[in-house]
């Protein structure tokens, strides 16, 4: 089937071919069925013709027998069958004329009518002679009556025999018709199956096979693999496949440009950070010497300026350090192995022990699962989130941080979706307005001044970059004055290019 036709047109053709055959077969079957019904009706009509013909002959025979009884006994009661026959014969003949359609039978019927009328007239004449006391023993008259009855009987027998032959022919035709119906039904079913299989084969070759290639191309496109040559054709499938190839080309160019851009940015960040550290170290070194050796001679304003300079240098060093950490998430990431998040969390709490004691806080660790991940980056992720909870606590209240995780196996209504690990880091700190949810994950973005809370504003950006490298999602829920809960969703078993399921509430900000 031509690949330039639309899929809808192909479907109509594939449906129309067996449908037209079925309609033709149905028309032929109905025609044979109608012939079968007509044969049944003719057979029933023939049975009635036989019954009416026999009834007509019986009326005439009874009239003759009654006439004999009258001749022998002189009882007028025997003349009633003759009167009844004169009344009923026209009616019986009219019924038979309405039932008989065969020309030969119609001619025979007219002869029966003629002989029957002659017989009734003869019987009337014969009775008149008897009533007039005439001698009815005329041999010629008696022979005439016998001949009339003989001709009538022969004609009726001929009529019934002809009707029987016609019935036999109809029954034979009915048997042939039924056999024809059986053969037609068997042949029709067989041809229908062949046509349906043929249509299915054509559909599979011209549409299903190309749709399968289209689905494979979509999978290759999602996995950033090379696409095979286009399937061809100007139908919807061909145009969609062309769009896939065009999209693949665009994605390939943009991916290459993005990789180059990211490499340049990473190289720039690393080089700039290293190059900035050298003059920064000199600024700090000479500033400290100036403070230690000439501090007394500077005076109060001079010492204030010097302290501000050293504080700015320290803040610059922290920014450079965080910028390097941000760039190293992708450039120096380790391979994925089985990581026990509970052990990682205990190690992070141990590293932060001095900070926890300093602020008088408490970190509570709940159950945490084992997943496929970069162990060092999981340590950095939990350290940043826990540190964030210790930092942004309410004035006068010791910070409280709880870390827990669970395995979520699949999604309701979506079988086959891989299980994910959901980690929650909850604090009782100052919280934030969720309208700023997108902003807190951007590098160097702060919701508070640096004099209120220390830091460079890049910790959560590093967290998001680590989570994205693991094909996961990070988000947060918070109410000002009631703390915040950061939710991290990661695949339990990591597959390159996977898109793990998360619920709507856990999707990362766009």
Protein backbone atom coordinates (compact mmCIF):
# COMPACT_ATOMS: atom_id res chain seq x y z
CA UNK A 1 0.00 0.00 0.00
CA UNK A 2 1.44 3.37 -1.03
CA UNK A 3 3.21 5.24 1.73
CA UNK A 4 2.04 8.55 0.27
CA UNK A 5 -1.55 7.89 1.30
CA UNK A 6 -2.70 9.20 4.64
CA UNK A 7 -2.99 6.68 7.46
CA UNK A 8 -6.72 7.43 7.69
CA UNK A 9 -7.13 6.66 3.97
CA UNK A 10 -5.15 3.43 4.33
CA UNK A 11 -7.34 2.40 7.23
CA UNK A 12 -10.48 3.09 5.20
CA UNK A 13 -9.17 1.02 2.29
CA UNK A 14 -8.17 -1.86 4.53
CA UNK A 15 -11.62 -1.80 6.13
CA UNK A 16 -13.51 -1.25 2.87
CA UNK A 17 -12.07 -4.24 0.97
CA UNK A 18 -13.33 -6.97 3.33
CA UNK A 19 -16.46 -4.92 4.04
CA UNK A 20 -17.39 -4.74 0.35
CA UNK A 21 -16.87 -8.47 0.04
CA UNK A 22 -19.03 -9.05 3.09
CA UNK A 23 -21.77 -6.84 1.66
CA UNK A 24 -21.69 -8.73 -1.66
CA UNK A 25 -21.73 -12.05 0.13
CA UNK A 26 -24.61 -10.83 2.30
CA UNK A 27 -26.61 -9.75 -0.75
CA UNK A 28 -26.06 -13.13 -2.41
CA UNK A 29 -26.93 -14.95 0.79
CA UNK A 30 -30.11 -12.90 1.18
CA UNK A 31 -31.07 -13.70 -2.39
CA UNK A 32 -30.64 -17.45 -1.79
CA UNK A 33 -32.48 -17.07 1.49
CA UNK A 34 -35.34 -15.33 -0.29
CA UNK A 35 -35.51 -18.19 -2.77
CA UNK A 36 -35.60 -20.60 0.16
CA UNK A 37 -38.47 -18.67 1.74
CA UNK A 38 -40.31 -18.59 -1.60
CA UNK A 39 -39.89 -22.37 -1.93
CA UNK A 40 -41.31 -22.86 1.55
CA UNK A 41 -44.28 -20.64 0.72
CA UNK A 42 -44.88 -22.49 -2.57
CA UNK A 43 -44.78 -25.84 -0.74
CA UNK A 44 -47.32 -24.62 1.80
CA UNK A 45 -49.53 -23.29 -1.01
CA UNK A 46 -49.26 -26.59 -2.85
CA UNK A 47 -50.42 -28.48 0.23
CA UNK A 48 -53.48 -26.25 0.37
CA UNK A 49 -54.13 -26.75 -3.37
CA UNK A 50 -54.13 -30.52 -2.85
CA UNK A 51 -56.47 -30.21 0.11
CA UNK A 52 -58.90 -27.92 -1.75
CA UNK A 53 -58.84 -30.11 -4.90
CA UNK A 54 -59.55 -33.23 -2.85
CA UNK A 55 -62.33 -31.40 -0.99
CA UNK A 56 -63.88 -30.33 -4.31
CA UNK A 57 -63.80 -33.88 -5.65
CA UNK A 58 -65.23 -35.16 -2.34
CA UNK A 59 -68.20 -32.75 -2.63
CA UNK A 60 -68.97 -34.01 -6.13
CA UNK A 61 -68.62 -37.68 -5.10
CA UNK A 62 -70.98 -37.08 -2.17
CA UNK A 63 -73.46 -35.44 -4.54
CA UNK A 64 -73.37 -38.53 -6.82
CA UNK A 65 -73.70 -40.92 -3.88
CA UNK A 66 -76.62 -38.90 -2.50
CA UNK A 67 -78.32 -39.08 -5.90
CA UNK A 68 -78.03 -42.88 -5.85
CA UNK A 69 -79.54 -42.99 -2.38
CA UNK A 70 -82.45 -40.86 -3.59
CA UNK A 71 -83.02 -43.19 -6.58
CA UNK A 72 -83.04 -46.26 -4.34
CA UNK A 73 -85.06 -44.90 -1.39
CA UNK A 74 -86.89 -41.90 -2.76
CA UNK A 75 -85.89 -40.02 0.38
CA UNK A 76 -85.35 -36.34 -0.49
CA UNK A 77 -82.75 -36.05 2.30
CA UNK A 78 -80.32 -37.69 -0.11
CA UNK A 79 -80.66 -34.70 -2.47
CA UNK A 80 -79.00 -32.29 -0.01
CA UNK A 81 -75.40 -33.15 -1.06
CA UNK A 82 -76.38 -32.27 -4.64
CA UNK A 83 -77.70 -28.88 -3.54
CA UNK A 84 -74.60 -28.32 -1.38
CA UNK A 85 -72.33 -29.21 -4.31
CA UNK A 86 -74.13 -26.77 -6.65
CA UNK A 87 -73.57 -24.05 -4.02
CA UNK A 88 -69.94 -24.88 -3.07
CA UNK A 89 -68.46 -25.86 -6.43
CA UNK A 90 -68.08 -22.25 -7.70
CA UNK A 91 -66.55 -21.19 -4.39
CA UNK A 92 -64.07 -24.09 -4.33
CA UNK A 93 -63.09 -23.41 -7.93
CA UNK A 94 -62.55 -19.72 -7.12
CA UNK A 95 -60.27 -20.66 -4.21
CA UNK A 96 -58.27 -23.02 -6.42
CA UNK A 97 -57.93 -20.40 -9.17
CA UNK A 98 -56.42 -18.03 -6.59
CA UNK A 99 -53.92 -20.66 -5.46
CA UNK A 100 -52.85 -22.18 -8.80
CA UNK A 101 -50.32 -20.19 -10.84
CA UNK A 102 -48.96 -22.89 -13.18
CA UNK A 103 -50.59 -22.52 -16.66
CA UNK A 104 -50.87 -26.29 -17.16
CA UNK A 105 -52.56 -26.69 -13.79
CA UNK A 106 -54.85 -23.78 -14.54
CA UNK A 107 -55.98 -25.53 -17.73
CA UNK A 108 -56.53 -28.75 -15.81
CA UNK A 109 -58.51 -26.83 -13.20
CA UNK A 110 -60.81 -25.43 -15.88
CA UNK A 111 -61.44 -28.92 -17.21
CA UNK A 112 -62.27 -30.07 -13.68
CA UNK A 113 -64.72 -27.18 -13.40
CA UNK A 114 -66.29 -28.13 -16.73
CA UNK A 115 -66.62 -31.84 -15.85
CA UNK A 116 -67.92 -31.01 -12.38
CA UNK A 117 -70.59 -28.68 -13.78
CA UNK A 118 -71.62 -31.31 -16.36
CA UNK A 119 -71.86 -33.93 -13.61
CA UNK A 120 -74.07 -31.70 -11.44
CA UNK A 121 -76.34 -30.95 -14.42
CA UNK A 122 -76.58 -34.67 -15.21
CA UNK A 123 -77.48 -35.49 -11.60
CA UNK A 124 -80.18 -32.79 -11.68
CA UNK A 125 -81.67 -34.20 -14.88
CA UNK A 126 -81.52 -37.70 -13.51
CA UNK A 127 -83.30 -36.68 -10.30
CA UNK A 128 -86.03 -34.88 -12.32
CA UNK A 129 -86.80 -38.04 -14.22
CA UNK A 130 -87.03 -40.00 -10.99
CA UNK A 131 -89.31 -37.38 -9.43
CA UNK A 132 -91.51 -37.47 -12.57
CA UNK A 133 -91.73 -41.25 -12.21
CA UNK A 134 -90.09 -41.67 -15.54
CA UNK A 135 -88.17 -44.86 -16.03
CA UNK A 136 -84.53 -43.96 -15.19
CA UNK A 137 -83.17 -47.16 -16.56
CA UNK A 138 -82.06 -45.67 -19.88
CA UNK A 139 -78.71 -47.41 -20.46
CA UNK A 140 -77.33 -44.56 -22.56
CA UNK A 141 -78.11 -42.02 -19.84
CA UNK A 142 -76.51 -44.18 -17.18
CA UNK A 143 -73.36 -44.67 -19.28
CA UNK A 144 -73.19 -40.93 -19.86
CA UNK A 145 -73.20 -40.36 -16.10
CA UNK A 146 -70.51 -42.95 -15.58
CA UNK A 147 -68.34 -41.41 -18.29
CA UNK A 148 -68.74 -37.96 -16.74
CA UNK A 149 -67.61 -39.28 -13.34
CA UNK A 150 -64.74 -41.19 -14.93
CA UNK A 151 -63.47 -38.10 -16.80
CA UNK A 152 -63.79 -36.03 -13.63
CA UNK A 153 -61.88 -38.56 -11.56
CA UNK A 154 -59.13 -38.87 -14.20
CA UNK A 155 -58.79 -35.09 -14.45
CA UNK A 156 -58.60 -34.70 -10.69
CA UNK A 157 -56.01 -37.47 -10.48
CA UNK A 158 -54.01 -35.83 -13.26
CA UNK A 159 -54.22 -32.50 -11.41
CA UNK A 160 -53.05 -34.03 -8.14
CA UNK A 161 -50.29 -36.01 -9.83
CA UNK A 162 -49.00 -32.90 -11.55
CA UNK A 163 -49.15 -31.04 -8.24
CA UNK A 164 -47.19 -33.84 -6.57
CA UNK A 165 -44.52 -33.68 -9.29
CA UNK A 166 -44.26 -29.94 -8.80
CA UNK A 167 -43.92 -30.46 -5.03
CA UNK A 168 -41.16 -33.00 -5.58
CA UNK A 169 -39.33 -30.52 -7.80
CA UNK A 170 -39.68 -27.79 -5.20
CA UNK A 171 -38.38 -30.08 -2.46
CA UNK A 172 -35.41 -31.02 -4.61
CA UNK A 173 -34.77 -27.33 -5.29
CA UNK A 174 -35.09 -26.60 -1.58
CA UNK A 175 -32.45 -29.20 -0.77
CA UNK A 176 -30.15 -27.73 -3.40
CA UNK A 177 -30.80 -24.25 -2.02
CA UNK A 178 -29.94 -25.34 1.50
CA UNK A 179 -26.76 -27.03 0.29
CA UNK A 180 -25.90 -23.86 -1.58
CA UNK A 181 -26.45 -21.84 1.59
CA UNK A 182 -24.17 -24.15 3.55
CA UNK A 183 -21.47 -23.93 0.89
CA UNK A 184 -21.82 -20.19 0.62
CA UNK A 185 -21.58 -19.81 4.40
CA UNK A 186 -18.44 -21.96 4.55
CA UNK A 187 -16.84 -20.23 1.57
CA UNK A 188 -17.83 -16.79 2.92
CA UNK A 189 -16.30 -17.47 6.31
CA UNK A 190 -13.14 -18.84 4.72
CA UNK A 191 -12.74 -15.90 2.36
CA UNK A 192 -13.50 -13.46 5.17
CA UNK A 193 -10.74 -14.97 7.28
CA UNK A 194 -8.34 -14.85 4.33
CA UNK A 195 -9.22 -11.24 3.59
CA UNK A 196 -8.89 -10.22 7.21
CA UNK A 197 -5.53 -11.95 7.48
CA UNK A 198 -4.45 -10.32 4.24
CA UNK A 199 -5.58 -6.90 5.46
CA UNK A 200 -3.78 -7.46 8.75
CA UNK A 201 -0.61 -8.46 6.88
CA UNK A 202 -0.83 -5.38 4.66
CA UNK A 203 -1.48 -3.18 7.68
CA UNK A 204 1.43 -4.76 9.54
CA UNK A 205 3.79 -4.29 6.61
CA UNK A 206 2.75 -0.79 5.57
CA UNK A 207 1.70 0.78 8.87
CA UNK A 208 2.54 -1.27 11.96
CA UNK A 209 6.13 -1.92 10.90
CA UNK A 210 6.68 1.77 10.20
CA UNK A 211 5.02 2.71 13.48
CA UNK A 212 7.37 0.32 15.25
CA UNK A 213 10.34 2.00 13.58
CA UNK A 214 8.86 5.36 14.60
CA UNK A 215 8.61 4.24 18.23
CA UNK A 216 12.19 2.95 18.12
CA UNK A 217 13.33 6.28 16.68
CA UNK A 218 11.56 8.10 19.50
CA UNK A 219 13.40 5.89 22.01
CA UNK A 220 16.70 6.50 20.26
CA UNK A 221 16.01 10.22 20.25
CA UNK A 222 15.30 10.15 24.00
CA UNK A 223 18.53 8.20 24.57
CA UNK A 224 20.48 10.54 22.26
CA UNK A 225 21.44 7.67 19.95
CA UNK A 226 21.96 7.86 16.21
CA UNK A 227 18.76 7.50 14.17
CA UNK A 228 18.52 5.12 11.17
CA UNK A 229 17.55 6.47 7.73
CA UNK A 230 14.00 7.90 7.45
CA UNK A 231 11.18 5.42 6.87
CA UNK A 232 10.07 7.44 3.83
CA UNK A 233 6.63 8.30 2.56
CA UNK A 234 4.51 11.44 2.69
CA UNK A 235 1.87 10.15 5.08
CA UNK A 236 1.62 11.13 8.74
CA UNK A 237 4.15 8.48 9.78
CA UNK A 238 6.70 9.69 7.26
CA UNK A 239 6.22 13.32 8.28
CA UNK A 240 6.55 12.50 11.99
CA UNK A 241 9.73 10.52 11.28
CA UNK A 242 11.10 13.45 9.30
CA UNK A 243 10.30 15.67 12.27
CA UNK A 244 12.18 13.23 14.52
CA UNK A 245 15.24 13.39 12.27
CA UNK A 246 15.05 17.18 12.09
CA UNK A 247 14.68 17.36 15.87
CA UNK A 248 17.60 14.97 16.28
CA UNK A 249 19.77 17.22 14.12
CA UNK A 250 18.75 20.30 16.09
CA UNK A 251 19.31 18.53 19.41
CA UNK A 252 22.66 17.24 18.22
CA UNK A 253 23.81 20.74 17.29
CA UNK A 254 22.44 22.29 20.46
CA UNK A 255 23.86 19.51 22.60
CA UNK A 256 27.27 19.98 21.06
CA UNK A 257 26.99 23.75 21.57
CA UNK A 258 25.83 23.24 25.16
CA UNK A 259 28.65 20.82 25.90
CA UNK A 260 31.15 23.26 24.49
CA UNK A 261 29.59 26.13 26.41
CA UNK A 262 29.57 24.17 29.66
CA UNK A 263 33.16 23.13 29.13
CA UNK A 264 34.15 26.73 28.52
CA UNK A 265 32.24 27.87 31.59
CA UNK A 266 33.80 25.16 33.73
CA UNK A 267 37.26 25.92 32.42
CA UNK A 268 36.64 29.62 32.95
CA UNK A 269 35.39 29.05 36.50
CA UNK A 270 38.34 26.84 37.38
CA UNK A 271 40.96 29.08 35.73
CA UNK A 272 39.40 32.26 37.06
CA UNK A 273 39.16 30.80 40.56
CA UNK A 274 42.76 29.67 40.55
CA UNK A 275 44.02 32.89 39.03
CA UNK A 276 42.04 34.93 41.54
CA UNK A 277 43.40 33.02 44.52
CA UNK A 278 46.99 34.09 43.95
CA UNK A 279 46.45 37.88 44.17
CA UNK A 280 43.88 37.26 46.91
CA UNK A 281 46.43 35.41 49.00
CA UNK A 282 48.83 38.33 48.62
CA UNK A 283 46.13 40.80 49.62
CA UNK A 284 45.38 38.73 52.73
CA UNK A 285 49.09 38.18 53.53
CA UNK A 286 50.09 41.84 53.22
CA UNK A 287 46.93 42.91 55.04
CA UNK A 288 47.72 40.65 57.97
CA UNK A 289 51.33 41.95 58.07
CA UNK A 290 50.11 45.50 57.95
CA UNK A 291 47.67 44.77 60.76
CA UNK A 292 50.29 43.06 62.95
CA UNK A 293 53.23 45.38 62.36
CA UNK A 294 51.67 48.77 61.70
CA UNK A 295 48.27 48.45 63.31
CA UNK A 296 49.05 50.87 66.16
CA UNK A 297 50.31 53.54 63.77
CA UNK A 298 47.22 53.41 61.51
CA UNK A 299 44.82 54.96 63.90
CA UNK A 300 41.17 54.02 64.41
CA UNK A 301 39.95 54.81 60.86
CA UNK A 302 42.90 53.01 59.30
CA UNK A 303 42.37 49.88 61.37
CA UNK A 304 38.65 49.93 60.43
CA UNK A 305 39.50 50.14 56.75
CA UNK A 306 42.02 47.32 57.12
CA UNK A 307 39.53 45.06 58.89
CA UNK A 308 36.96 45.69 56.17
CA UNK A 309 39.53 44.85 53.51
CA UNK A 310 40.47 41.58 55.21
CA UNK A 311 36.76 40.67 55.68
CA UNK A 312 36.10 41.31 52.00
CA UNK A 313 39.09 39.20 51.06
CA UNK A 314 37.80 36.35 53.24
CA UNK A 315 34.36 36.63 51.65
CA UNK A 316 36.00 36.60 48.21
CA UNK A 317 37.91 33.44 49.14
CA UNK A 318 34.65 31.78 50.25
CA UNK A 319 32.97 32.77 46.97
CA UNK A 320 35.86 31.36 44.95
CA UNK A 321 35.81 28.14 46.96
CA UNK A 322 32.04 27.72 46.47
CA UNK A 323 32.35 28.51 42.77
CA UNK A 324 34.95 25.75 42.43
CA UNK A 325 32.71 23.34 44.33
CA UNK A 326 29.80 24.20 42.03
CA UNK A 327 31.81 23.56 38.87
CA UNK A 328 33.27 20.31 40.24
CA UNK A 329 29.82 18.66 40.65
CA UNK A 330 29.93 17.55 37.03
CA UNK A 331 33.63 17.75 36.22
CA UNK A 332 34.88 15.67 39.16
CA UNK A 333 31.89 13.45 39.88
CA UNK A 334 32.59 9.81 40.81
CA UNK A 335 30.92 6.70 39.46
CA UNK A 336 27.68 5.41 41.00
CA UNK A 337 27.96 2.64 43.60
CA UNK A 338 25.76 1.28 46.38
CA UNK A 339 25.69 3.99 49.03
CA UNK A 340 24.26 3.57 52.52
CA UNK A 341 22.70 6.98 53.18
CA UNK A 342 22.45 6.22 56.91
CA UNK A 343 26.24 5.87 57.18
CA UNK A 344 26.71 9.02 55.09
CA UNK A 345 24.33 10.98 57.35
CA UNK A 346 26.14 9.84 60.54
CA UNK A 347 29.48 10.89 59.02
CA UNK A 348 28.05 14.33 58.14
CA UNK A 349 26.70 14.82 61.68
CA UNK A 350 30.13 13.85 63.03
CA UNK A 351 31.80 16.43 60.76
CA UNK A 352 29.32 19.10 61.91
CA UNK A 353 29.61 18.24 65.59
CA UNK A 354 31.50 21.44 66.46
CA UNK A 355 28.97 23.57 64.58
CA UNK A 356 26.05 21.77 66.29
CA UNK A 357 27.56 22.38 69.73
CA UNK A 358 28.27 26.02 68.84
CA UNK A 359 24.62 26.79 68.05
CA UNK A 360 23.25 24.40 70.70
CA UNK A 361 21.30 22.46 68.10
CA UNK A 362 20.25 18.87 67.59
CA UNK A 363 20.22 16.68 64.45
CA UNK A 364 17.93 13.66 64.55
CA UNK A 365 18.54 10.89 62.02
CA UNK A 366 15.66 8.64 60.97
CA UNK A 367 15.82 5.57 58.72
CA UNK A 368 17.65 6.08 55.42
CA UNK A 369 17.89 3.52 52.58
CA UNK A 370 20.71 2.24 50.37
CA UNK A 371 20.74 3.55 46.78
CA UNK A 372 22.97 3.81 43.71
CA UNK A 373 24.76 7.17 43.89
CA UNK A 374 28.01 9.10 44.05
CA UNK A 375 28.96 8.69 47.71
CA UNK A 376 31.00 11.92 47.98
CA UNK A 377 28.24 13.98 46.42
CA UNK A 378 25.59 12.41 48.70
CA UNK A 379 27.78 13.50 51.62
CA UNK A 380 28.02 17.01 50.23
CA UNK A 381 24.24 17.09 49.57
CA UNK A 382 23.29 16.09 53.13
CA UNK A 383 25.96 18.36 54.64
CA UNK A 384 24.65 21.41 52.76
CA UNK A 385 21.01 20.68 53.69
CA UNK A 386 21.76 20.00 57.37
CA UNK A 387 24.02 23.06 57.56
CA UNK A 388 21.24 25.11 56.02
CA UNK A 389 18.86 23.97 58.79
CA UNK A 390 21.41 24.76 61.52
CA UNK A 391 22.09 28.18 60.07
CA UNK A 392 18.59 29.57 59.54
CA UNK A 393 17.21 28.99 63.04
CA UNK A 394 14.96 31.38 64.91
CA UNK A 395 16.69 33.82 67.30
CA UNK A 396 16.78 32.48 70.84
CA UNK A 397 15.69 28.96 69.84
CA UNK A 398 18.16 26.09 69.33
CA UNK A 399 17.98 24.64 65.81
CA UNK A 400 16.31 21.24 65.37
CA UNK A 401 16.93 19.24 62.18
CA UNK A 402 15.48 15.82 61.27
CA UNK A 403 16.71 13.71 58.35
CA UNK A 404 14.77 10.66 57.13
CA UNK A 405 14.16 8.72 53.94
CA UNK A 406 11.92 6.06 52.42
CA UNK A 407 11.57 3.94 49.32
CA UNK A 408 8.52 4.72 47.15
CA UNK A 409 7.80 1.77 44.91
CA UNK A 410 6.15 2.87 41.68
CA UNK A 411 3.20 5.11 41.01
CA UNK A 412 -0.53 4.37 41.32
CA UNK A 413 -1.97 3.54 37.92
CA UNK A 414 1.49 3.42 36.26
CA UNK A 415 2.86 -0.14 36.46
CA UNK A 416 6.50 -0.65 35.64
CA UNK A 417 7.63 2.74 36.96
CA UNK A 418 10.93 2.27 38.90
CA UNK A 419 11.11 2.77 42.65
CA UNK A 420 12.60 6.01 44.01
CA UNK A 421 14.16 7.15 47.26
CA UNK A 422 12.57 10.18 48.93
CA UNK A 423 14.73 12.04 51.47
CA UNK A 424 13.30 14.72 53.77
CA UNK A 425 15.39 17.24 55.69
CA UNK A 426 13.11 19.15 58.07
CA UNK A 427 14.00 22.06 60.35
CA UNK A 428 12.14 24.36 62.75
CA UNK A 429 13.85 27.52 61.60
CA UNK A 430 12.69 30.81 60.20
CA UNK A 431 11.22 29.34 56.99
CA UNK A 432 10.51 31.36 53.84
CA UNK A 433 7.73 32.39 51.50
CA UNK A 434 7.23 29.68 48.86
CA UNK A 435 6.95 32.38 46.22
CA UNK A 436 10.78 32.45 46.44
CA UNK A 437 11.09 28.68 45.87
CA UNK A 438 12.72 29.08 42.46
CA UNK A 439 15.11 31.72 43.72
CA UNK A 440 16.68 29.78 46.61
CA UNK A 441 18.11 27.15 44.24
CA UNK A 442 19.87 29.71 42.01
CA UNK A 443 23.60 30.40 42.54
CA UNK A 444 24.46 33.37 44.78
CA UNK A 445 20.80 34.12 45.51
CA UNK A 446 20.00 35.09 49.11
CA UNK A 447 16.71 35.89 50.86
CA UNK A 448 18.53 37.62 53.74
CA UNK A 449 21.43 40.03 54.02
CA UNK A 450 24.89 38.62 54.60
CA UNK A 451 25.09 40.44 57.92
CA UNK A 452 22.08 38.43 59.20
CA UNK A 453 23.24 34.98 58.12
CA UNK A 454 26.65 33.92 56.89
CA UNK A 455 27.26 32.15 53.59
CA UNK A 456 27.61 32.86 49.88
CA UNK A 457 24.17 31.69 48.68
CA UNK A 458 25.47 28.81 46.56
CA UNK A 459 24.89 25.81 48.84
CA UNK A 460 21.37 25.00 47.62
CA UNK A 461 22.46 25.54 43.99
CA UNK A 462 25.12 22.85 44.54
CA UNK A 463 22.43 20.59 46.03
CA UNK A 464 20.22 20.99 42.98
CA UNK A 465 23.10 20.32 40.62
CA UNK A 466 24.02 17.13 42.51
CA UNK A 467 20.40 15.95 42.45
CA UNK A 468 20.05 16.65 38.72
CA UNK A 469 23.24 14.73 38.01
CA UNK A 470 21.55 11.76 39.71
CA UNK A 471 18.42 12.17 37.53
CA UNK A 472 16.46 13.29 40.56
CA UNK A 473 14.39 16.24 41.79
CA UNK A 474 14.63 18.61 44.71
CA UNK A 475 12.02 20.97 46.08
CA UNK A 476 10.97 22.50 49.39
CA UNK A 477 7.86 23.32 51.41
CA UNK A 478 7.90 26.10 53.94
CA UNK A 479 5.89 28.60 55.94
CA UNK A 480 7.55 31.68 57.44
CA UNK A 481 8.24 31.15 61.15
CA UNK A 482 7.44 27.41 60.99
CA UNK A 483 10.54 25.99 59.39
CA UNK A 484 11.18 24.33 56.06
CA UNK A 485 11.22 20.81 54.64
CA UNK A 486 13.52 20.01 51.73
CA UNK A 487 12.47 16.95 49.71
CA UNK A 488 15.00 15.13 47.51
CA UNK A 489 13.83 12.34 45.16
CA UNK A 490 16.47 10.03 43.65
CA UNK A 491 16.34 6.76 41.71
CA UNK A 492 17.03 3.71 43.86
CA UNK A 493 18.74 1.88 41.00
CA UNK A 494 20.41 4.38 38.73
CA UNK A 495 19.99 4.03 34.96
CA UNK A 496 21.66 6.44 32.64
CA UNK A 497 19.08 8.75 31.09
CA UNK A 498 16.26 7.52 33.36
CA UNK A 499 13.41 9.81 34.32
CA UNK A 500 12.31 8.62 37.79
CA UNK A 501 8.78 9.15 38.94
CA UNK A 502 7.96 11.73 41.52
CA UNK A 503 4.65 13.06 42.69
CA UNK A 504 3.57 16.57 41.78
CA UNK A 505 4.56 17.94 45.17
CA UNK A 506 8.12 16.75 44.73
CA UNK A 507 8.91 18.19 41.33
CA UNK A 508 11.82 20.55 41.28
CA UNK A 509 11.18 24.15 40.42
CA UNK A 510 11.47 24.98 36.79
